[in-house]
Amino acid sequence: MMRNSRQGGFSFIMLIFVVAVLAVVGLVGMQAFPTVLEYQAAVKAINKAKDGSTPQEVRGLFDRAAQIDNITSISGKDLRSARTATATWSPSPTTRNSTCSARPS
């Protein structure tokens, strides 16, 4: 006696559907990738600009870093700085990182 067995697997329609979903995900990823890169470059430039002591110096440092990294979505004039207390920076004795101790004025 012979049985009719149906083979399992993907049909052609299912293959086209999977390819279409992967294409949409790829397109969204390709459009988001430059934005993520520019965001990371802006964060790096802001961290470099933190070394400035005056708002004008911070803006100048950011603008130089932004020019090097080709950041176009934000500029130095878009940055805001606020100082609430006088801070002194000193190396931490237990780690190599810097620690901040704020003294009220």
C-alpha atoms as a PDB file:
ATOM      1  CA  MET A   1       0.000   0.000   0.000  1.00  0.00           C
ATOM      2  CA  MET A   2       1.332   3.361  -0.973  1.00  0.00           C
ATOM      3  CA  ARG A   3       0.787   6.498   1.036  1.00  0.00           C
ATOM      4  CA  ASN A   4       0.659   9.988  -0.344  1.00  0.00           C
ATOM      5  CA  SER A   5       2.953  12.026   1.809  1.00  0.00           C
ATOM      6  CA  ARG A   6       3.186  15.733   1.395  1.00  0.00           C
ATOM      7  CA  GLN A   7       6.624  17.260   1.663  1.00  0.00           C
ATOM      8  CA  GLY A   8       7.064  20.042   4.178  1.00  0.00           C
ATOM      9  CA  GLY A   9       9.039  23.213   3.722  1.00  0.00           C
ATOM     10  CA  PHE A  10       8.779  26.744   2.453  1.00  0.00           C
ATOM     11  CA  SER A  11       6.558  27.538  -0.460  1.00  0.00           C
ATOM     12  CA  PHE A  12       7.545  30.111  -3.059  1.00  0.00           C
ATOM     13  CA  ILE A  13       5.067  32.632  -1.598  1.00  0.00           C
ATOM     14  CA  MET A  14       6.561  32.178   1.856  1.00  0.00           C
ATOM     15  CA  LEU A  15      10.055  32.715   0.439  1.00  0.00           C
ATOM     16  CA  ILE A  16       8.974  35.976  -1.214  1.00  0.00           C
ATOM     17  CA  PHE A  17       7.354  37.115   2.048  1.00  0.00           C
ATOM     18  CA  VAL A  18      10.533  36.433   4.063  1.00  0.00           C
ATOM     19  CA  VAL A  19      12.691  38.247   1.486  1.00  0.00           C
ATOM     20  CA  ALA A  20      10.306  41.240   1.540  1.00  0.00           C
ATOM     21  CA  VAL A  21      10.432  41.446   5.356  1.00  0.00           C
ATOM     22  CA  LEU A  22      14.234  41.241   5.331  1.00  0.00           C
ATOM     23  CA  ALA A  23      14.373  43.963   2.666  1.00  0.00           C
ATOM     24  CA  VAL A  24      12.211  46.314   4.750  1.00  0.00           C
ATOM     25  CA  VAL A  25      14.317  45.692   7.862  1.00  0.00           C
ATOM     26  CA  GLY A  26      17.467  46.303   5.815  1.00  0.00           C
ATOM     27  CA  LEU A  27      16.153  49.578   4.415  1.00  0.00           C
ATOM     28  CA  VAL A  28      15.212  50.874   7.852  1.00  0.00           C
ATOM     29  CA  GLY A  29      18.632  49.873   9.165  1.00  0.00           C
ATOM     30  CA  MET A  30      20.429  51.576   6.287  1.00  0.00           C
ATOM     31  CA  GLN A  31      18.523  54.807   6.903  1.00  0.00           C
ATOM     32  CA  ALA A  32      19.134  54.748  10.664  1.00  0.00           C
ATOM     33  CA  PHE A  33      22.851  53.895  10.465  1.00  0.00           C
ATOM     34  CA  PRO A  34      24.127  57.406   9.507  1.00  0.00           C
ATOM     35  CA  THR A  35      21.997  58.965  12.254  1.00  0.00           C
ATOM     36  CA  VAL A  36      23.467  56.638  14.862  1.00  0.00           C
ATOM     37  CA  LEU A  37      26.996  57.385  13.646  1.00  0.00           C
ATOM     38  CA  GLU A  38      26.422  61.136  13.833  1.00  0.00           C
ATOM     39  CA  TYR A  39      24.899  60.790  17.311  1.00  0.00           C
ATOM     40  CA  GLN A  40      27.961  58.892  18.537  1.00  0.00           C
ATOM     41  CA  ALA A  41      30.272  61.488  16.967  1.00  0.00           C
ATOM     42  CA  ALA A  42      28.302  64.307  18.648  1.00  0.00           C
ATOM     43  CA  VAL A  43      28.550  62.599  22.042  1.00  0.00           C
ATOM     44  CA  LYS A  44      32.309  62.210  21.547  1.00  0.00           C
ATOM     45  CA  ALA A  45      32.621  65.903  20.574  1.00  0.00           C
ATOM     46  CA  ILE A  46      30.565  67.001  23.598  1.00  0.00           C
ATOM     47  CA  ASN A  47      32.794  64.963  25.892  1.00  0.00           C
ATOM     48  CA  LYS A  48      35.861  66.634  24.358  1.00  0.00           C
ATOM     49  CA  ALA A  49      34.264  70.054  24.791  1.00  0.00           C
ATOM     50  CA  LYS A  50      33.732  69.480  28.526  1.00  0.00           C
ATOM     51  CA  ASP A  51      37.405  70.346  29.045  1.00  0.00           C
ATOM     52  CA  GLY A  52      36.679  74.018  28.347  1.00  0.00           C
ATOM     53  CA  SER A  53      36.537  76.418  31.276  1.00  0.00           C
ATOM     54  CA  THR A  54      34.252  79.083  29.763  1.00  0.00           C
ATOM     55  CA  PRO A  55      31.111  78.685  27.651  1.00  0.00           C
ATOM     56  CA  GLN A  56      32.881  80.298  24.685  1.00  0.00           C
ATOM     57  CA  GLU A  57      35.770  77.856  24.984  1.00  0.00           C
ATOM     58  CA  VAL A  58      33.360  74.905  25.235  1.00  0.00           C
ATOM     59  CA  ARG A  59      31.568  76.050  22.083  1.00  0.00           C
ATOM     60  CA  GLY A  60      34.880  76.515  20.266  1.00  0.00           C
ATOM     61  CA  LEU A  61      36.134  73.056  21.279  1.00  0.00           C
ATOM     62  CA  PHE A  62      32.864  71.494  20.180  1.00  0.00           C
ATOM     63  CA  ASP A  63      32.882  73.326  16.840  1.00  0.00           C
ATOM     64  CA  ARG A  64      36.433  72.145  16.097  1.00  0.00           C
ATOM     65  CA  ALA A  65      35.554  68.537  16.952  1.00  0.00           C
ATOM     66  CA  ALA A  66      32.320  68.811  14.939  1.00  0.00           C
ATOM     67  CA  GLN A  67      34.223  70.073  11.915  1.00  0.00           C
ATOM     68  CA  ILE A  68      36.640  67.140  12.114  1.00  0.00           C
ATOM     69  CA  ASP A  69      33.867  64.551  12.523  1.00  0.00           C
ATOM     70  CA  ASN A  70      31.548  66.253   9.985  1.00  0.00           C
ATOM     71  CA  ILE A  71      28.686  66.819  12.437  1.00  0.00           C
ATOM     72  CA  THR A  72      25.992  68.934  10.784  1.00  0.00           C
ATOM     73  CA  SER A  73      22.912  68.464  12.984  1.00  0.00           C
ATOM     74  CA  ILE A  74      24.197  70.420  16.000  1.00  0.00           C
ATOM     75  CA  SER A  75      26.636  73.277  16.481  1.00  0.00           C
ATOM     76  CA  GLY A  76      28.406  74.917  19.394  1.00  0.00           C
ATOM     77  CA  LYS A  77      25.750  77.602  19.745  1.00  0.00           C
ATOM     78  CA  ASP A  78      23.174  74.870  20.461  1.00  0.00           C
ATOM     79  CA  LEU A  79      25.012  73.785  23.620  1.00  0.00           C
ATOM     80  CA  ARG A  80      23.968  75.029  27.042  1.00  0.00           C
ATOM     81  CA  SER A  81      26.194  75.041  30.073  1.00  0.00           C
ATOM     82  CA  ALA A  82      25.316  75.622  33.695  1.00  0.00           C
ATOM     83  CA  ARG A  83      27.487  75.800  36.761  1.00  0.00           C
ATOM     84  CA  THR A  84      25.842  75.408  40.150  1.00  0.00           C
ATOM     85  CA  ALA A  85      28.894  75.041  42.373  1.00  0.00           C
ATOM     86  CA  THR A  86      32.633  75.458  42.163  1.00  0.00           C
ATOM     87  CA  ALA A  87      34.121  72.080  41.328  1.00  0.00           C
ATOM     88  CA  THR A  88      37.686  70.974  41.843  1.00  0.00           C
ATOM     89  CA  TRP A  89      39.057  67.982  39.969  1.00  0.00           C
ATOM     90  CA  SER A  90      41.561  65.656  41.534  1.00  0.00           C
ATOM     91  CA  PRO A  91      42.735  62.137  40.747  1.00  0.00           C
ATOM     92  CA  SER A  92      41.170  59.425  42.845  1.00  0.00           C
ATOM     93  CA  PRO A  93      43.629  57.469  44.997  1.00  0.00           C
ATOM     94  CA  THR A  94      41.954  54.099  44.300  1.00  0.00           C
ATOM     95  CA  THR A  95      41.384  54.392  40.570  1.00  0.00           C
ATOM     96  CA  ARG A  96      42.940  56.143  37.623  1.00  0.00           C
ATOM     97  CA  ASN A  97      39.699  58.011  36.858  1.00  0.00           C
ATOM     98  CA  SER A  98      39.133  61.585  37.947  1.00  0.00           C
ATOM     99  CA  THR A  99      36.678  62.400  40.682  1.00  0.00           C
ATOM    100  CA  CYS A 100      34.849  65.641  41.252  1.00  0.00           C
ATOM    101  CA  SER A 101      34.327  67.226  44.647  1.00  0.00           C
ATOM    102  CA  ALA A 102      31.990  70.201  44.597  1.00  0.00           C
ATOM    103  CA  ARG A 103      32.352  72.962  47.153  1.00  0.00           C
ATOM    104  CA  PRO A 104      29.419  75.258  47.696  1.00  0.00           C
ATOM    105  CA  SER A 105      30.280  78.899  47.188  1.00  0.00           C
END
